[in-house]
Amino acid sequence: MRLVDPADANRGLRFDGRLSEDFKLTSGTWVRAANLRLDLLSALAPFAQDVVIAGEGRDDVRAMILPNRAAIAAKGWEVTEAAGVLKCAALEAELAQRLTALATTAAGSAGRVCAAIVLAEPASMAEGEATAKGNLNFPAFCPAGPRWWRVCLARKPRM
């Protein structure tokens, strides 16, 4: 919640995002996951179909990217899969360049993704990662949903 008018509290409060997606890093810094997700989707378009932000209780922010396979195929890039992660040198270089560019605009650690993986599989309804409407169930990905969490956290920060 946020004041409608910071100069006049009598004007009331307004809803200011979904708190259930926000989390703190070990530094105590809040990560506004919904806002960061939208920034990442814009920066990684058209290669990211969706993004899951991770890092609660950790030193830095990580991202799990659900790829837009059609956009990757349109580039003619060859991909392989290993341990649930999509591997493609050209895609990894492109995403790293875009993440680095986005990091230069971040005001602090909460807006800077230090490592990311591209998931080979779409979100699973059976695992509770996606709803029947096709929306992502972010809490199912991390930390209680360890299917991809351990893989994402195993990545060494690269920025």
N, C-alpha and C. Protein backbone atom coordinates (compact mmCIF):
# COMPACT_ATOMS: atom_id res chain seq x y z
N MET A 1 0.85 -1.17 0.00
CA MET A 1 0.00 0.00 0.00
C MET A 1 0.89 1.23 0.00
N ARG A 2 0.38 2.27 -0.61
CA ARG A 2 1.11 3.53 -0.69
C ARG A 2 0.10 4.67 -0.56
N LEU A 3 0.54 5.78 0.02
CA LEU A 3 -0.33 6.94 0.12
C LEU A 3 -0.67 7.46 -1.28
N VAL A 4 -1.93 7.79 -1.49
CA VAL A 4 -2.34 8.39 -2.76
C VAL A 4 -1.59 9.70 -2.97
N ASP A 5 -1.51 10.48 -1.90
CA ASP A 5 -0.79 11.76 -1.95
C ASP A 5 0.11 11.82 -0.72
N PRO A 6 1.43 11.66 -0.88
CA PRO A 6 2.32 11.67 0.28
C PRO A 6 2.23 12.94 1.12
N ALA A 7 1.78 14.01 0.53
CA ALA A 7 1.66 15.28 1.26
C ALA A 7 0.35 15.37 2.04
N ASP A 8 -0.61 14.47 1.75
CA ASP A 8 -1.92 14.52 2.40
C ASP A 8 -2.42 13.11 2.66
N ALA A 9 -2.10 12.58 3.87
CA ALA A 9 -2.49 11.22 4.23
C ALA A 9 -4.00 11.03 4.27
N ASN A 10 -4.76 12.10 4.40
CA ASN A 10 -6.22 12.00 4.44
C ASN A 10 -6.81 11.54 3.11
N ARG A 11 -6.03 11.62 2.04
CA ARG A 11 -6.53 11.19 0.73
C ARG A 11 -6.56 9.67 0.62
N GLY A 12 -5.94 8.97 1.56
CA GLY A 12 -6.04 7.52 1.62
C GLY A 12 -4.86 6.77 1.03
N LEU A 13 -5.06 5.46 0.95
CA LEU A 13 -4.03 4.55 0.46
C LEU A 13 -4.45 3.96 -0.87
N ARG A 14 -3.45 3.50 -1.63
CA ARG A 14 -3.74 2.78 -2.86
C ARG A 14 -2.88 1.53 -2.89
N PHE A 15 -3.38 0.53 -3.58
CA PHE A 15 -2.66 -0.72 -3.74
C PHE A 15 -1.43 -0.48 -4.60
N ASP A 16 -0.29 -1.05 -4.19
CA ASP A 16 0.97 -0.78 -4.88
C ASP A 16 1.70 -2.08 -5.22
N GLY A 17 1.03 -2.98 -5.92
CA GLY A 17 1.67 -4.20 -6.38
C GLY A 17 1.36 -5.41 -5.53
N ARG A 18 1.74 -6.56 -6.02
CA ARG A 18 1.49 -7.83 -5.36
C ARG A 18 2.62 -8.14 -4.40
N LEU A 19 2.35 -8.02 -3.13
CA LEU A 19 3.39 -8.24 -2.12
C LEU A 19 3.87 -9.68 -2.07
N SER A 20 3.02 -10.62 -2.47
CA SER A 20 3.40 -12.02 -2.38
C SER A 20 4.57 -12.36 -3.28
N GLU A 21 4.82 -11.56 -4.30
CA GLU A 21 5.94 -11.81 -5.20
C GLU A 21 7.21 -11.09 -4.75
N ASP A 22 7.08 -10.08 -3.91
CA ASP A 22 8.24 -9.33 -3.46
C ASP A 22 8.98 -10.13 -2.39
N PHE A 23 10.29 -9.94 -2.31
CA PHE A 23 11.09 -10.64 -1.31
C PHE A 23 12.32 -9.81 -0.98
N LYS A 24 13.01 -10.25 0.09
CA LYS A 24 14.21 -9.54 0.53
C LYS A 24 15.46 -10.37 0.24
N LEU A 25 16.52 -9.67 -0.12
CA LEU A 25 17.84 -10.28 -0.23
C LEU A 25 18.46 -10.33 1.17
N THR A 26 19.58 -11.01 1.32
CA THR A 26 20.22 -11.09 2.64
C THR A 26 20.65 -9.72 3.14
N SER A 27 20.84 -8.77 2.23
CA SER A 27 21.21 -7.41 2.62
C SER A 27 20.05 -6.65 3.24
N GLY A 28 18.83 -7.23 3.14
CA GLY A 28 17.64 -6.55 3.63
C GLY A 28 16.96 -5.72 2.56
N THR A 29 17.52 -5.71 1.37
CA THR A 29 16.95 -4.95 0.26
C THR A 29 15.75 -5.69 -0.31
N TRP A 30 14.66 -4.95 -0.49
CA TRP A 30 13.46 -5.54 -1.09
C TRP A 30 13.63 -5.64 -2.60
N VAL A 31 13.23 -6.78 -3.15
CA VAL A 31 13.19 -6.98 -4.60
C VAL A 31 11.73 -6.90 -5.01
N ARG A 32 11.41 -5.96 -5.86
CA ARG A 32 10.05 -5.80 -6.38
C ARG A 32 9.95 -6.71 -7.61
N ALA A 33 9.64 -7.98 -7.36
CA ALA A 33 9.72 -9.02 -8.37
C ALA A 33 8.81 -8.76 -9.57
N ALA A 34 7.60 -8.28 -9.34
CA ALA A 34 6.68 -8.05 -10.45
C ALA A 34 7.23 -6.98 -11.39
N ASN A 35 7.77 -5.91 -10.83
CA ASN A 35 8.33 -4.84 -11.67
C ASN A 35 9.58 -5.33 -12.40
N LEU A 36 10.44 -6.06 -11.71
CA LEU A 36 11.65 -6.57 -12.33
C LEU A 36 11.30 -7.56 -13.43
N ARG A 37 10.30 -8.38 -13.20
CA ARG A 37 9.85 -9.34 -14.21
C ARG A 37 9.43 -8.62 -15.49
N LEU A 38 8.66 -7.56 -15.35
CA LEU A 38 8.22 -6.80 -16.53
C LEU A 38 9.41 -6.17 -17.25
N ASP A 39 10.37 -5.65 -16.50
CA ASP A 39 11.58 -5.09 -17.10
C ASP A 39 12.35 -6.16 -17.87
N LEU A 40 12.45 -7.34 -17.28
CA LEU A 40 13.17 -8.43 -17.93
C LEU A 40 12.44 -8.90 -19.19
N LEU A 41 11.13 -9.02 -19.12
CA LEU A 41 10.38 -9.45 -20.30
C LEU A 41 10.58 -8.48 -21.45
N SER A 42 10.61 -7.20 -21.14
CA SER A 42 10.84 -6.19 -22.17
C SER A 42 12.26 -6.30 -22.73
N ALA A 43 13.24 -6.43 -21.84
CA ALA A 43 14.64 -6.48 -22.26
C ALA A 43 14.98 -7.75 -23.03
N LEU A 44 14.32 -8.85 -22.70
CA LEU A 44 14.65 -10.14 -23.30
C LEU A 44 13.75 -10.54 -24.46
N ALA A 45 12.81 -9.68 -24.81
CA ALA A 45 11.90 -9.98 -25.92
C ALA A 45 12.69 -10.08 -27.22
N PRO A 46 12.33 -10.95 -28.10
CA PRO A 46 11.23 -11.90 -28.07
C PRO A 46 11.60 -13.28 -27.52
N PHE A 47 12.80 -13.42 -26.96
CA PHE A 47 13.31 -14.74 -26.59
C PHE A 47 12.75 -15.29 -25.29
N ALA A 48 12.21 -14.44 -24.42
CA ALA A 48 11.64 -14.90 -23.15
C ALA A 48 10.11 -14.85 -23.23
N GLN A 49 9.51 -15.99 -23.04
CA GLN A 49 8.05 -16.07 -22.98
C GLN A 49 7.58 -15.61 -21.60
N ASP A 50 8.34 -15.98 -20.58
CA ASP A 50 8.06 -15.53 -19.22
C ASP A 50 9.34 -15.66 -18.41
N VAL A 51 9.33 -15.07 -17.23
CA VAL A 51 10.51 -15.07 -16.36
C VAL A 51 10.06 -15.25 -14.92
N VAL A 52 10.79 -16.05 -14.18
CA VAL A 52 10.57 -16.22 -12.75
C VAL A 52 11.78 -15.60 -12.04
N ILE A 53 11.51 -14.70 -11.12
CA ILE A 53 12.55 -14.03 -10.36
C ILE A 53 12.80 -14.83 -9.08
N ALA A 54 14.05 -15.09 -8.77
CA ALA A 54 14.42 -15.88 -7.59
C ALA A 54 15.49 -15.14 -6.79
N GLY A 55 15.66 -15.54 -5.55
CA GLY A 55 16.73 -14.99 -4.74
C GLY A 55 16.34 -14.64 -3.32
N GLU A 56 15.14 -14.98 -2.91
CA GLU A 56 14.73 -14.65 -1.54
C GLU A 56 15.71 -15.25 -0.53
N GLY A 57 16.20 -14.39 0.38
CA GLY A 57 17.12 -14.85 1.40
C GLY A 57 18.51 -15.15 0.86
N ARG A 58 18.80 -14.68 -0.33
CA ARG A 58 20.11 -14.91 -0.97
C ARG A 58 20.82 -13.58 -1.13
N ASP A 59 22.06 -13.63 -1.61
CA ASP A 59 22.85 -12.42 -1.79
C ASP A 59 22.50 -11.64 -3.05
N ASP A 60 21.93 -12.31 -4.05
CA ASP A 60 21.66 -11.65 -5.32
C ASP A 60 20.41 -12.20 -5.98
N VAL A 61 20.01 -11.54 -7.04
CA VAL A 61 18.81 -11.91 -7.79
C VAL A 61 19.19 -12.84 -8.92
N ARG A 62 18.39 -13.88 -9.11
CA ARG A 62 18.56 -14.83 -10.20
C ARG A 62 17.27 -14.85 -11.01
N ALA A 63 17.35 -15.37 -12.23
CA ALA A 63 16.16 -15.47 -13.07
C ALA A 63 16.10 -16.83 -13.75
N MET A 64 14.89 -17.35 -13.83
CA MET A 64 14.63 -18.56 -14.60
C MET A 64 13.79 -18.11 -15.79
N ILE A 65 14.33 -18.30 -16.98
CA ILE A 65 13.69 -17.82 -18.20
C ILE A 65 12.96 -18.97 -18.88
N LEU A 66 11.67 -18.77 -19.14
CA LEU A 66 10.91 -19.72 -19.93
C LEU A 66 10.99 -19.21 -21.37
N PRO A 67 11.62 -19.97 -22.26
CA PRO A 67 11.94 -19.44 -23.58
C PRO A 67 10.75 -19.41 -24.55
N ASN A 68 10.86 -18.50 -25.51
CA ASN A 68 9.96 -18.48 -26.65
C ASN A 68 10.68 -19.26 -27.74
N ARG A 69 10.39 -20.54 -27.83
CA ARG A 69 11.11 -21.41 -28.75
C ARG A 69 10.94 -21.00 -30.21
N ALA A 70 9.79 -20.44 -30.55
CA ALA A 70 9.56 -20.00 -31.93
C ALA A 70 10.53 -18.87 -32.30
N ALA A 71 10.74 -17.93 -31.38
CA ALA A 71 11.66 -16.82 -31.65
C ALA A 71 13.09 -17.32 -31.77
N ILE A 72 13.44 -18.31 -30.97
CA ILE A 72 14.79 -18.89 -31.03
C ILE A 72 14.97 -19.63 -32.35
N ALA A 73 13.98 -20.41 -32.74
CA ALA A 73 14.04 -21.15 -34.00
C ALA A 73 14.11 -20.20 -35.19
N ALA A 74 13.40 -19.07 -35.11
CA ALA A 74 13.40 -18.10 -36.20
C ALA A 74 14.79 -17.54 -36.45
N LYS A 75 15.64 -17.51 -35.43
CA LYS A 75 17.02 -17.05 -35.59
C LYS A 75 17.91 -18.13 -36.21
N GLY A 76 17.38 -19.36 -36.26
CA GLY A 76 18.16 -20.46 -36.81
C GLY A 76 19.18 -21.02 -35.84
N TRP A 77 19.03 -20.72 -34.57
CA TRP A 77 19.98 -21.17 -33.56
C TRP A 77 19.72 -22.63 -33.20
N GLU A 78 20.78 -23.38 -33.08
CA GLU A 78 20.70 -24.78 -32.67
C GLU A 78 20.69 -24.84 -31.14
N VAL A 79 19.76 -25.59 -30.59
CA VAL A 79 19.68 -25.71 -29.13
C VAL A 79 19.78 -27.16 -28.72
N THR A 80 20.29 -27.37 -27.52
CA THR A 80 20.31 -28.69 -26.91
C THR A 80 19.73 -28.54 -25.51
N GLU A 81 19.45 -29.66 -24.90
CA GLU A 81 18.93 -29.66 -23.53
C GLU A 81 19.84 -30.49 -22.65
N ALA A 82 20.12 -29.99 -21.47
CA ALA A 82 20.94 -30.72 -20.50
C ALA A 82 20.40 -30.44 -19.11
N ALA A 83 19.97 -31.49 -18.43
CA ALA A 83 19.47 -31.38 -17.04
C ALA A 83 18.36 -30.34 -16.92
N GLY A 84 17.48 -30.27 -17.90
CA GLY A 84 16.34 -29.36 -17.84
C GLY A 84 16.64 -27.93 -18.25
N VAL A 85 17.87 -27.68 -18.70
CA VAL A 85 18.28 -26.34 -19.10
C VAL A 85 18.51 -26.33 -20.61
N LEU A 86 18.02 -25.30 -21.26
CA LEU A 86 18.22 -25.10 -22.69
C LEU A 86 19.61 -24.53 -22.92
N LYS A 87 20.38 -25.14 -23.79
CA LYS A 87 21.75 -24.70 -24.06
C LYS A 87 21.85 -24.24 -25.51
N CYS A 88 22.39 -23.06 -25.70
CA CYS A 88 22.61 -22.50 -27.04
C CYS A 88 23.56 -21.32 -26.87
N ALA A 89 24.76 -21.45 -27.41
CA ALA A 89 25.78 -20.42 -27.21
C ALA A 89 25.32 -19.06 -27.70
N ALA A 90 24.68 -19.02 -28.87
CA ALA A 90 24.23 -17.73 -29.43
C ALA A 90 23.15 -17.10 -28.56
N LEU A 91 22.21 -17.92 -28.09
CA LEU A 91 21.15 -17.42 -27.22
C LEU A 91 21.73 -16.93 -25.90
N GLU A 92 22.63 -17.71 -25.31
CA GLU A 92 23.24 -17.32 -24.04
C GLU A 92 23.99 -16.00 -24.17
N ALA A 93 24.70 -15.82 -25.27
CA ALA A 93 25.44 -14.57 -25.49
C ALA A 93 24.47 -13.39 -25.64
N GLU A 94 23.39 -13.60 -26.38
CA GLU A 94 22.40 -12.54 -26.57
C GLU A 94 21.74 -12.16 -25.26
N LEU A 95 21.32 -13.15 -24.49
CA LEU A 95 20.68 -12.87 -23.21
C LEU A 95 21.65 -12.22 -22.22
N ALA A 96 22.90 -12.68 -22.20
CA ALA A 96 23.90 -12.09 -21.30
C ALA A 96 24.11 -10.61 -21.64
N GLN A 97 24.18 -10.30 -22.92
CA GLN A 97 24.36 -8.91 -23.35
C GLN A 97 23.17 -8.05 -22.90
N ARG A 98 21.98 -8.59 -23.05
CA ARG A 98 20.78 -7.84 -22.66
C ARG A 98 20.67 -7.69 -21.15
N LEU A 99 21.01 -8.75 -20.40
CA LEU A 99 20.99 -8.67 -18.94
C LEU A 99 22.03 -7.67 -18.43
N THR A 100 23.18 -7.66 -19.07
CA THR A 100 24.23 -6.71 -18.69
C THR A 100 23.78 -5.28 -18.95
N ALA A 101 23.15 -5.05 -20.10
CA ALA A 101 22.65 -3.71 -20.43
C ALA A 101 21.58 -3.28 -19.42
N LEU A 102 20.69 -4.19 -19.07
CA LEU A 102 19.65 -3.87 -18.08
C LEU A 102 20.27 -3.59 -16.72
N ALA A 103 21.32 -4.33 -16.36
CA ALA A 103 21.97 -4.14 -15.06
C ALA A 103 22.58 -2.75 -14.93
N THR A 104 23.01 -2.16 -16.03
CA THR A 104 23.60 -0.82 -15.96
C THR A 104 22.57 0.24 -15.60
N THR A 105 21.29 -0.07 -15.78
CA THR A 105 20.23 0.88 -15.44
C THR A 105 19.67 0.66 -14.04
N ALA A 106 20.10 -0.43 -13.39
CA ALA A 106 19.57 -0.77 -12.06
C ALA A 106 20.08 0.20 -11.00
N ALA A 107 19.19 0.55 -10.09
CA ALA A 107 19.56 1.46 -9.00
C ALA A 107 20.33 0.74 -7.90
N GLY A 108 20.28 -0.57 -7.87
CA GLY A 108 20.97 -1.34 -6.84
C GLY A 108 20.84 -2.82 -7.09
N SER A 109 21.24 -3.61 -6.10
CA SER A 109 21.28 -5.07 -6.26
C SER A 109 19.91 -5.68 -6.51
N ALA A 110 18.86 -5.05 -6.06
CA ALA A 110 17.51 -5.60 -6.23
C ALA A 110 17.02 -5.53 -7.67
N GLY A 111 17.66 -4.75 -8.48
CA GLY A 111 17.26 -4.62 -9.88
C GLY A 111 18.24 -5.22 -10.85
N ARG A 112 19.20 -5.97 -10.33
CA ARG A 112 20.27 -6.52 -11.16
C ARG A 112 20.25 -8.04 -11.08
N VAL A 113 20.00 -8.70 -12.19
CA VAL A 113 20.01 -10.16 -12.25
C VAL A 113 21.46 -10.61 -12.43
N CYS A 114 21.95 -11.39 -11.48
CA CYS A 114 23.35 -11.81 -11.49
C CYS A 114 23.59 -13.13 -12.21
N ALA A 115 22.56 -13.94 -12.37
CA ALA A 115 22.69 -15.20 -13.09
C ALA A 115 21.30 -15.62 -13.55
N ALA A 116 21.28 -16.35 -14.65
CA ALA A 116 20.00 -16.80 -15.19
C ALA A 116 20.17 -18.14 -15.88
N ILE A 117 19.09 -18.89 -15.93
CA ILE A 117 19.06 -20.12 -16.71
C ILE A 117 17.85 -20.04 -17.64
N VAL A 118 17.96 -20.74 -18.76
CA VAL A 118 16.84 -20.85 -19.69
C VAL A 118 16.31 -22.27 -19.53
N LEU A 119 15.09 -22.38 -19.04
CA LEU A 119 14.50 -23.69 -18.79
C LEU A 119 14.16 -24.38 -20.11
N ALA A 120 14.40 -25.67 -20.18
CA ALA A 120 14.12 -26.43 -21.39
C ALA A 120 12.65 -26.80 -21.50
N GLU A 121 11.99 -26.92 -20.37
CA GLU A 121 10.59 -27.35 -20.35
C GLU A 121 9.68 -26.20 -19.97
N PRO A 122 8.47 -26.20 -20.50
CA PRO A 122 7.51 -25.17 -20.07
C PRO A 122 7.08 -25.43 -18.63
N ALA A 123 6.44 -24.45 -18.04
CA ALA A 123 5.92 -24.61 -16.67
C ALA A 123 4.94 -25.78 -16.66
N SER A 124 5.02 -26.57 -15.60
CA SER A 124 4.22 -27.79 -15.49
C SER A 124 2.97 -27.57 -14.63
N MET A 125 1.82 -27.89 -15.20
CA MET A 125 0.59 -27.85 -14.40
C MET A 125 0.62 -28.96 -13.36
N ALA A 126 1.15 -30.13 -13.72
CA ALA A 126 1.21 -31.26 -12.80
C ALA A 126 2.07 -30.95 -11.58
N GLU A 127 3.14 -30.16 -11.77
CA GLU A 127 4.03 -29.78 -10.66
C GLU A 127 3.52 -28.53 -9.93
N GLY A 128 2.40 -27.97 -10.40
CA GLY A 128 1.83 -26.77 -9.78
C GLY A 128 2.50 -25.48 -10.19
N GLU A 129 3.34 -25.53 -11.25
CA GLU A 129 4.06 -24.34 -11.70
C GLU A 129 3.20 -23.43 -12.56
N ALA A 130 2.13 -23.98 -13.13
CA ALA A 130 1.22 -23.20 -13.97
C ALA A 130 -0.21 -23.52 -13.56
N THR A 131 -1.07 -22.52 -13.72
CA THR A 131 -2.48 -22.71 -13.40
C THR A 131 -3.22 -23.22 -14.64
N ALA A 132 -4.46 -23.60 -14.45
CA ALA A 132 -5.27 -24.06 -15.58
C ALA A 132 -5.46 -22.97 -16.63
N LYS A 133 -5.37 -21.72 -16.22
CA LYS A 133 -5.50 -20.60 -17.15
C LYS A 133 -4.18 -20.29 -17.86
N GLY A 134 -3.12 -21.00 -17.50
CA GLY A 134 -1.83 -20.78 -18.14
C GLY A 134 -0.95 -19.76 -17.45
N ASN A 135 -1.39 -19.23 -16.30
CA ASN A 135 -0.58 -18.28 -15.55
C ASN A 135 0.47 -19.03 -14.73
N LEU A 136 1.60 -18.38 -14.52
CA LEU A 136 2.63 -18.99 -13.69
C LEU A 136 2.28 -18.86 -12.22
N ASN A 137 2.57 -19.91 -11.48
CA ASN A 137 2.43 -19.92 -10.03
C ASN A 137 3.83 -19.73 -9.46
N PHE A 138 4.25 -18.47 -9.32
CA PHE A 138 5.63 -18.15 -8.96
C PHE A 138 6.13 -18.85 -7.71
N PRO A 139 5.33 -18.93 -6.63
CA PRO A 139 5.84 -19.60 -5.43
C PRO A 139 6.17 -21.08 -5.67
N ALA A 140 5.58 -21.71 -6.66
CA ALA A 140 5.88 -23.12 -6.93
C ALA A 140 7.28 -23.31 -7.50
N PHE A 141 7.85 -22.25 -8.05
CA PHE A 141 9.19 -22.35 -8.62
C PHE A 141 10.27 -22.25 -7.55
N CYS A 142 10.04 -21.45 -6.49
CA CYS A 142 11.09 -21.25 -5.50
C CYS A 142 10.51 -20.70 -4.21
N PRO A 143 11.13 -20.95 -3.05
CA PRO A 143 12.14 -21.96 -2.85
C PRO A 143 11.56 -23.34 -2.60
N ALA A 144 10.25 -23.44 -2.33
CA ALA A 144 9.67 -24.74 -2.01
C ALA A 144 9.57 -25.63 -3.25
N GLY A 145 9.54 -25.05 -4.42
CA GLY A 145 9.47 -25.83 -5.65
C GLY A 145 10.86 -26.02 -6.23
N PRO A 146 11.62 -26.98 -5.72
CA PRO A 146 13.05 -27.05 -6.02
C PRO A 146 13.40 -27.62 -7.40
N ARG A 147 12.43 -27.90 -8.25
CA ARG A 147 12.75 -28.51 -9.54
C ARG A 147 13.80 -27.71 -10.29
N TRP A 148 13.68 -26.39 -10.32
CA TRP A 148 14.64 -25.54 -11.04
C TRP A 148 15.44 -24.65 -10.11
N TRP A 149 14.98 -24.53 -8.90
CA TRP A 149 15.61 -23.63 -7.93
C TRP A 149 17.08 -23.95 -7.72
N ARG A 150 17.39 -25.23 -7.47
CA ARG A 150 18.78 -25.62 -7.22
C ARG A 150 19.66 -25.36 -8.44
N VAL A 151 19.12 -25.59 -9.63
CA VAL A 151 19.89 -25.35 -10.85
C VAL A 151 20.19 -23.86 -10.98
N CYS A 152 19.19 -23.03 -10.73
CA CYS A 152 19.36 -21.57 -10.85
C CYS A 152 20.37 -21.06 -9.84
N LEU A 153 20.30 -21.52 -8.61
CA LEU A 153 21.20 -21.04 -7.57
C LEU A 153 22.62 -21.56 -7.74
N ALA A 154 22.78 -22.66 -8.48
CA ALA A 154 24.10 -23.22 -8.69
C ALA A 154 24.93 -22.37 -9.66
N ARG A 155 24.27 -21.55 -10.44
CA ARG A 155 24.98 -20.68 -11.39
C ARG A 155 25.82 -19.67 -10.63
N LYS A 156 27.03 -19.45 -11.08
CA LYS A 156 27.88 -18.43 -10.48
C LYS A 156 27.47 -17.06 -11.03
N PRO A 157 27.38 -16.06 -10.17
CA PRO A 157 27.08 -14.71 -10.67
C PRO A 157 28.09 -14.30 -11.73
N ARG A 158 27.61 -13.62 -12.76
CA ARG A 158 28.52 -13.26 -13.85
C ARG A 158 28.51 -11.78 -14.17
N MET A 159 27.94 -10.97 -13.31
CA MET A 159 27.94 -9.54 -13.57
C MET A 159 28.47 -8.80 -12.37
